[in-house]
Amino acid sequence: MSEAIQTDDSIERALQAMAEGFSFSNRSPILHSPAEVGLAYENVTFPSLDGIPLEGWFIPAPGSDRIVILNHPRWFSRSGLPSHLEPWKSLGAAFGNDFEVNFVPDFKILHDAGYNVLAYDLRNFGHSGAANGGVSSSGNFECRDVVGSLNYVRGRSDLREMSVGLFSRCLGCNATLVAMARYPDAFENVRCLVGCQPLSPRYLLEKVMTSRGIPAERVDDLDELMRLKTSFTIDDLSPAPAAKSVRIPTFLYQVRDDAMTTPKDVQTIYDNMPIETKKLFWIEGSTRRWDGYTYFQKDPSLMLDWFATYLT
């Protein structure tokens, strides 16, 4: 009898910890800069749609009239994630994601391909402002940051006439899709989207529960705990409904066997996009989600082809 009570207590403590961990995010440090790859850049700051101060880098490509705005994953900053170090290592180590992700080489690739680059920290990450009590909302609040970045480009006399492309990963991709649904007019001059691994948290949470030996039927208990902390249900955090509002050429890519989700999720998001000009590319031979985040550095050809075709 005492063993059963202890087991139930352990599960309850684990669910409480999961609810806390998925409702709020630790900031990661900005450990790299464009200077490391020889790029000149400006430190910039601009407001989100609701006034939250956002910090970033603008990397000019003299003579170019095209700009790519980058929106980063959850837990990351504009420079990446030091997931070879604690406490960030623990975020994905159970699924093999215990190596550093450095996004600075991506900026070099885009710059050398002829694009101006704007990379910034979403709210509650990097050096950007705290907001909404620190709640990580899978795009519900962060969508305002995406719009803020677009408004910043339109507000600069040297940028406002440029063609805009978006390169959005994970939380950044979720936020982009939600922004398209809520603020469609903000995307008037946006020509295309490259999206990496958008995510419905339900699939991730179910994977984590399984890995920790928590019965799957307890997901409803976790849902209630998260709702009490954030006012969002787990399914409120899915970008799949927002994908129905996509109106620009969109290229999605995903690690097919990503141990932190299921192919069904990205397939549904892709299928929901009511456009003909779209493409879904599966990264094969890995179960590590972080391999999706670093894939652009290893073989950027498909993404650069998309930008070259539609960012004109």
Protein backbone atom coordinates (compact mmCIF):
# COMPACT_ATOMS: atom_id res chain seq x y z
CA MET A 1 0.00 0.00 0.00
CA SER A 2 2.77 2.43 0.91
CA GLU A 3 4.55 1.65 -2.39
CA ALA A 4 1.43 2.59 -4.39
CA ILE A 5 1.04 5.85 -2.48
CA GLN A 6 4.70 6.68 -3.08
CA THR A 7 4.33 5.93 -6.79
CA ASP A 8 1.27 8.16 -7.01
CA ASP A 9 3.11 10.90 -5.15
CA SER A 10 6.08 10.59 -7.49
CA ILE A 11 3.86 10.88 -10.54
CA GLU A 12 2.13 13.92 -9.09
CA ARG A 13 5.46 15.60 -8.40
CA ALA A 14 6.64 14.78 -11.93
CA LEU A 15 3.48 16.25 -13.45
CA GLN A 16 3.86 19.40 -11.37
CA ALA A 17 7.47 19.76 -12.53
CA MET A 18 6.49 19.22 -16.16
CA ALA A 19 3.71 21.78 -15.93
CA GLU A 20 6.13 24.32 -14.51
CA GLY A 21 8.84 23.54 -17.04
CA PHE A 22 6.57 23.77 -20.05
CA SER A 23 4.72 26.86 -18.86
CA PHE A 24 7.87 28.92 -18.33
CA SER A 25 11.31 28.92 -19.97
CA ASN A 26 14.82 29.61 -18.73
CA ARG A 27 16.72 32.22 -20.71
CA SER A 28 19.82 31.08 -22.53
CA PRO A 29 22.89 33.30 -22.87
CA ILE A 30 24.01 34.91 -26.12
CA LEU A 31 27.42 33.25 -26.52
CA HIS A 32 28.17 34.06 -30.16
CA SER A 33 28.04 37.09 -32.43
CA PRO A 34 28.20 37.76 -36.18
CA ALA A 35 31.73 39.13 -35.71
CA GLU A 36 32.95 35.55 -35.23
CA VAL A 37 32.34 34.88 -38.92
CA GLY A 38 33.55 38.27 -40.09
CA LEU A 39 30.17 39.96 -40.46
CA ALA A 40 29.59 43.63 -39.76
CA TYR A 41 26.38 44.17 -37.78
CA GLU A 42 24.32 46.63 -35.79
CA ASN A 43 22.86 46.07 -32.36
CA VAL A 44 19.20 47.02 -32.75
CA THR A 45 16.18 47.31 -30.51
CA PHE A 46 12.53 47.70 -31.45
CA PRO A 47 9.14 47.17 -29.81
CA SER A 48 6.88 44.20 -30.20
CA LEU A 49 3.33 44.94 -31.29
CA ASP A 50 2.37 45.33 -27.62
CA GLY A 51 5.44 47.39 -26.71
CA ILE A 52 7.75 44.72 -25.26
CA PRO A 53 11.37 45.74 -26.06
CA LEU A 54 13.07 43.28 -28.40
CA GLU A 55 16.85 43.11 -28.93
CA GLY A 56 18.59 41.89 -32.05
CA TRP A 57 21.23 42.16 -34.74
CA PHE A 58 20.89 43.68 -38.16
CA ILE A 59 23.48 42.36 -40.62
CA PRO A 60 23.61 44.47 -43.79
CA ALA A 61 24.31 43.12 -47.26
CA PRO A 62 25.28 46.28 -49.19
CA GLY A 63 23.53 46.55 -52.53
CA SER A 64 20.85 44.00 -51.68
CA ASP A 65 17.14 44.83 -51.64
CA ARG A 66 16.13 41.62 -49.86
CA ILE A 67 16.00 40.83 -46.14
CA VAL A 68 15.46 37.63 -44.17
CA ILE A 69 14.07 37.86 -40.62
CA LEU A 70 14.92 34.95 -38.33
CA ASN A 71 12.64 33.76 -35.50
CA HIS A 72 14.29 31.29 -33.12
CA PRO A 73 13.09 28.15 -31.28
CA ARG A 74 11.91 27.94 -27.71
CA TRP A 75 14.67 28.02 -25.07
CA PHE A 76 17.05 29.51 -27.65
CA SER A 77 18.28 33.04 -28.21
CA ARG A 78 19.12 34.64 -31.54
CA SER A 79 22.62 33.07 -31.30
CA GLY A 80 21.50 29.53 -30.53
CA LEU A 81 21.48 27.31 -27.43
CA PRO A 82 24.36 26.10 -25.23
CA SER A 83 22.75 22.71 -24.78
CA HIS A 84 26.15 21.14 -24.13
CA LEU A 85 26.00 22.92 -20.74
CA GLU A 86 23.59 22.69 -17.83
CA PRO A 87 20.84 23.63 -17.22
CA TRP A 88 20.12 23.82 -20.96
CA LYS A 89 21.60 20.38 -21.59
CA SER A 90 18.79 18.79 -19.61
CA LEU A 91 16.14 20.27 -21.88
CA GLY A 92 16.67 17.71 -24.63
CA ALA A 93 19.43 15.37 -23.47
CA ALA A 94 17.02 12.49 -22.88
CA PHE A 95 16.31 12.55 -26.61
CA GLY A 96 19.92 12.96 -27.74
CA ASN A 97 19.91 16.76 -28.00
CA ASP A 98 22.89 17.44 -25.76
CA PHE A 99 25.10 19.37 -28.20
CA GLU A 100 25.42 23.10 -28.79
CA VAL A 101 23.45 24.83 -31.53
CA ASN A 102 25.13 27.96 -32.92
CA PHE A 103 23.05 29.94 -35.41
CA VAL A 104 25.78 32.43 -36.36
CA PRO A 105 26.97 30.31 -39.33
CA ASP A 106 23.41 30.56 -40.69
CA PHE A 107 23.73 34.33 -40.83
CA LYS A 108 26.92 33.99 -42.86
CA ILE A 109 25.24 31.65 -45.34
CA LEU A 110 22.31 34.03 -45.82
CA HIS A 111 24.55 37.10 -46.04
CA ASP A 112 26.83 35.48 -48.61
CA ALA A 113 23.75 34.52 -50.64
CA GLY A 114 22.88 38.21 -50.90
CA TYR A 115 20.42 38.79 -48.07
CA ASN A 116 20.29 41.38 -45.34
CA VAL A 117 19.60 39.60 -42.05
CA LEU A 118 17.59 40.54 -38.96
CA ALA A 119 17.94 38.13 -36.03
CA TYR A 120 16.36 38.98 -32.70
CA ASP A 121 15.32 37.49 -29.38
CA LEU A 122 11.66 36.71 -28.80
CA ARG A 123 10.10 37.96 -25.56
CA ASN A 124 11.37 36.24 -22.40
CA PHE A 125 14.49 35.03 -24.26
CA GLY A 126 18.00 36.35 -24.78
CA HIS A 127 18.15 40.07 -24.03
CA SER A 128 14.54 40.88 -24.95
CA GLY A 129 12.05 42.06 -22.37
CA ALA A 130 10.12 39.95 -19.91
CA ALA A 131 6.41 39.75 -20.64
CA ASN A 132 3.15 38.03 -19.71
CA GLY A 133 4.52 36.83 -16.40
CA GLY A 134 7.15 34.80 -18.23
CA VAL A 135 4.55 32.47 -19.76
CA SER A 136 5.76 30.62 -22.84
CA SER A 137 2.68 30.48 -25.02
CA SER A 138 3.73 28.58 -28.16
CA GLY A 139 3.08 31.64 -30.31
CA ASN A 140 -0.02 33.11 -28.69
CA PHE A 141 1.96 36.02 -27.26
CA GLU A 142 5.14 35.65 -29.31
CA CYS A 143 3.20 36.31 -32.52
CA ARG A 144 3.29 39.98 -31.52
CA ASP A 145 7.08 39.88 -31.71
CA VAL A 146 6.97 38.62 -35.29
CA VAL A 147 4.73 41.56 -36.20
CA GLY A 148 7.06 43.89 -34.30
CA SER A 149 10.00 42.73 -36.41
CA LEU A 150 8.04 43.37 -39.61
CA ASN A 151 7.04 46.82 -38.37
CA TYR A 152 10.68 47.56 -37.59
CA VAL A 153 11.74 46.77 -41.14
CA ARG A 154 8.91 48.93 -42.53
CA GLY A 155 9.88 51.75 -40.20
CA ARG A 156 13.49 52.04 -41.35
CA SER A 157 13.95 54.22 -44.39
CA ASP A 158 16.80 52.02 -45.66
CA LEU A 159 14.78 48.81 -45.30
CA ARG A 160 11.14 49.62 -45.95
CA GLU A 161 11.28 48.97 -49.69
CA MET A 162 13.00 45.61 -49.33
CA SER A 163 11.39 42.28 -50.15
CA VAL A 164 10.97 40.32 -46.91
CA GLY A 165 11.39 36.61 -46.28
CA LEU A 166 10.94 34.78 -42.98
CA PHE A 167 13.08 31.97 -41.59
CA SER A 168 11.27 30.69 -38.51
CA ARG A 169 12.07 27.69 -36.34
CA CYS A 170 9.94 25.82 -33.77
CA LEU A 171 8.43 28.46 -31.43
CA GLY A 172 9.42 31.09 -33.99
CA CYS A 173 7.51 29.17 -36.64
CA ASN A 174 4.49 28.71 -34.38
CA ALA A 175 4.54 32.44 -33.66
CA THR A 176 4.76 33.22 -37.36
CA LEU A 177 1.75 31.04 -38.18
CA VAL A 178 -0.31 32.54 -35.35
CA ALA A 179 0.65 36.04 -36.48
CA MET A 180 -0.56 35.22 -40.00
CA ALA A 181 -3.91 34.20 -38.55
CA ARG A 182 -4.35 37.19 -36.25
CA TYR A 183 -2.59 39.97 -38.14
CA PRO A 184 -2.80 39.12 -41.86
CA ASP A 185 -2.25 42.73 -42.95
CA ALA A 186 1.22 42.65 -41.37
CA PHE A 187 2.36 40.19 -44.06
CA GLU A 188 1.48 42.35 -47.03
CA ASN A 189 5.09 42.67 -48.23
CA VAL A 190 6.31 39.27 -47.01
CA ARG A 191 7.16 37.10 -50.00
CA CYS A 192 7.83 33.68 -48.48
CA LEU A 193 8.42 31.58 -45.37
CA VAL A 194 10.97 28.89 -44.61
CA GLY A 195 9.69 27.09 -41.51
CA CYS A 196 11.63 24.57 -39.46
CA GLN A 197 9.87 22.11 -37.17
CA PRO A 198 6.71 23.84 -35.95
CA LEU A 199 5.38 21.92 -32.97
CA SER A 200 2.12 21.14 -31.21
CA PRO A 201 3.16 20.70 -27.55
CA ARG A 202 0.74 17.83 -26.93
CA TYR A 203 2.97 15.47 -28.92
CA LEU A 204 6.10 16.58 -27.09
CA LEU A 205 4.45 16.32 -23.68
CA GLU A 206 3.17 12.82 -24.42
CA LYS A 207 6.68 11.77 -25.48
CA VAL A 208 8.17 13.19 -22.29
CA MET A 209 5.55 11.49 -20.15
CA THR A 210 6.28 8.14 -21.79
CA SER A 211 10.02 8.60 -21.32
CA ARG A 212 9.45 9.24 -17.61
CA GLY A 213 7.13 6.29 -17.08
CA ILE A 214 4.03 8.41 -16.50
CA PRO A 215 0.82 6.74 -17.73
CA ALA A 216 -0.54 8.33 -20.89
CA GLU A 217 -3.98 8.78 -19.35
CA ARG A 218 -2.50 11.34 -16.96
CA VAL A 219 -2.12 13.85 -19.82
CA ASP A 220 -5.48 15.35 -18.83
CA ASP A 221 -4.10 16.03 -15.37
CA LEU A 222 -1.07 17.70 -16.91
CA ASP A 223 -3.37 19.73 -19.16
CA GLU A 224 -5.26 21.05 -16.13
CA LEU A 225 -2.05 21.91 -14.27
CA MET A 226 -0.76 23.87 -17.25
CA ARG A 227 -4.09 25.65 -17.69
CA LEU A 228 -4.00 26.76 -14.06
CA LYS A 229 -0.50 28.21 -14.59
CA THR A 230 -0.98 29.82 -18.00
CA SER A 231 -4.74 29.96 -18.78
CA PHE A 232 -3.99 27.95 -21.94
CA THR A 233 -4.92 24.33 -22.51
CA ILE A 234 -2.38 22.12 -24.25
CA ASP A 235 -4.37 22.21 -27.46
CA ASP A 236 -4.59 26.02 -27.31
CA LEU A 237 -0.83 25.88 -27.96
CA SER A 238 -1.01 24.03 -31.28
CA PRO A 239 -0.20 26.05 -34.43
CA ALA A 240 -2.17 23.66 -36.64
CA PRO A 241 -5.37 25.78 -36.76
CA ALA A 242 -3.36 28.92 -37.54
CA ALA A 243 -1.74 27.18 -40.51
CA LYS A 244 -5.05 27.54 -42.32
CA SER A 245 -4.28 31.27 -42.63
CA VAL A 246 -1.01 30.89 -44.53
CA ARG A 247 -1.14 32.79 -47.81
CA ILE A 248 2.51 32.98 -48.91
CA PRO A 249 4.85 30.37 -50.45
CA THR A 250 5.96 28.16 -47.57
CA PHE A 251 8.70 25.55 -47.26
CA LEU A 252 8.59 23.37 -44.14
CA TYR A 253 11.23 20.90 -43.04
CA GLN A 254 11.40 18.46 -40.14
CA VAL A 255 13.42 15.54 -38.77
CA ARG A 256 11.00 12.75 -39.69
CA ASP A 257 11.84 10.49 -36.74
CA ASP A 258 12.28 13.33 -34.23
CA ALA A 259 12.02 11.63 -30.83
CA MET A 260 10.36 14.73 -29.35
CA THR A 261 7.31 14.68 -31.62
CA THR A 262 5.61 12.68 -34.37
CA PRO A 263 5.52 13.13 -38.17
CA LYS A 264 1.74 13.44 -37.92
CA ASP A 265 2.06 16.86 -36.32
CA VAL A 266 4.04 18.61 -39.05
CA GLN A 267 2.10 16.75 -41.74
CA THR A 268 -1.16 18.12 -40.31
CA ILE A 269 0.24 21.64 -40.11
CA TYR A 270 1.40 21.37 -43.72
CA ASP A 271 -1.89 19.90 -44.93
CA ASN A 272 -3.81 22.72 -43.26
CA MET A 273 -2.06 25.35 -45.40
CA PRO A 274 -4.58 26.29 -48.12
CA ILE A 275 -1.98 27.19 -50.73
CA GLU A 276 -0.55 25.45 -53.77
CA THR A 277 2.96 26.86 -53.46
CA LYS A 278 4.25 24.84 -50.54
CA LYS A 279 6.75 22.08 -49.89
CA LEU A 280 7.49 19.67 -47.04
CA PHE A 281 10.96 18.15 -46.72
CA TRP A 282 11.78 15.33 -44.32
CA ILE A 283 15.26 15.00 -42.82
CA GLU A 284 16.06 11.30 -42.64
CA GLY A 285 18.50 9.25 -40.59
CA SER A 286 18.19 11.02 -37.24
CA THR A 287 15.98 11.09 -34.17
CA ARG A 288 17.54 14.29 -32.78
CA ARG A 289 15.42 17.42 -33.07
CA TRP A 290 18.51 19.62 -32.90
CA ASP A 291 19.69 18.08 -36.19
CA GLY A 292 16.76 19.90 -37.77
CA TYR A 293 17.95 23.20 -36.33
CA THR A 294 21.47 22.69 -37.68
CA TYR A 295 20.48 21.19 -41.03
CA PHE A 296 20.63 24.55 -42.83
CA GLN A 297 24.34 24.78 -42.03
CA LYS A 298 24.99 21.31 -43.42
CA ASP A 299 22.98 21.62 -46.62
CA PRO A 300 21.30 25.00 -47.19
CA SER A 301 20.54 24.35 -50.85
CA LEU A 302 16.79 23.69 -50.57
CA MET A 303 16.15 26.70 -48.34
CA LEU A 304 18.31 29.01 -50.44
CA ASP A 305 16.52 27.80 -53.58
CA TRP A 306 13.19 28.70 -51.94
CA PHE A 307 14.38 32.18 -51.05
CA ALA A 308 15.94 32.66 -54.49
CA THR A 309 12.67 31.68 -56.17
CA TYR A 310 10.18 33.63 -54.08
CA LEU A 311 12.10 36.41 -52.30
CA THR A 312 12.31 38.70 -55.31
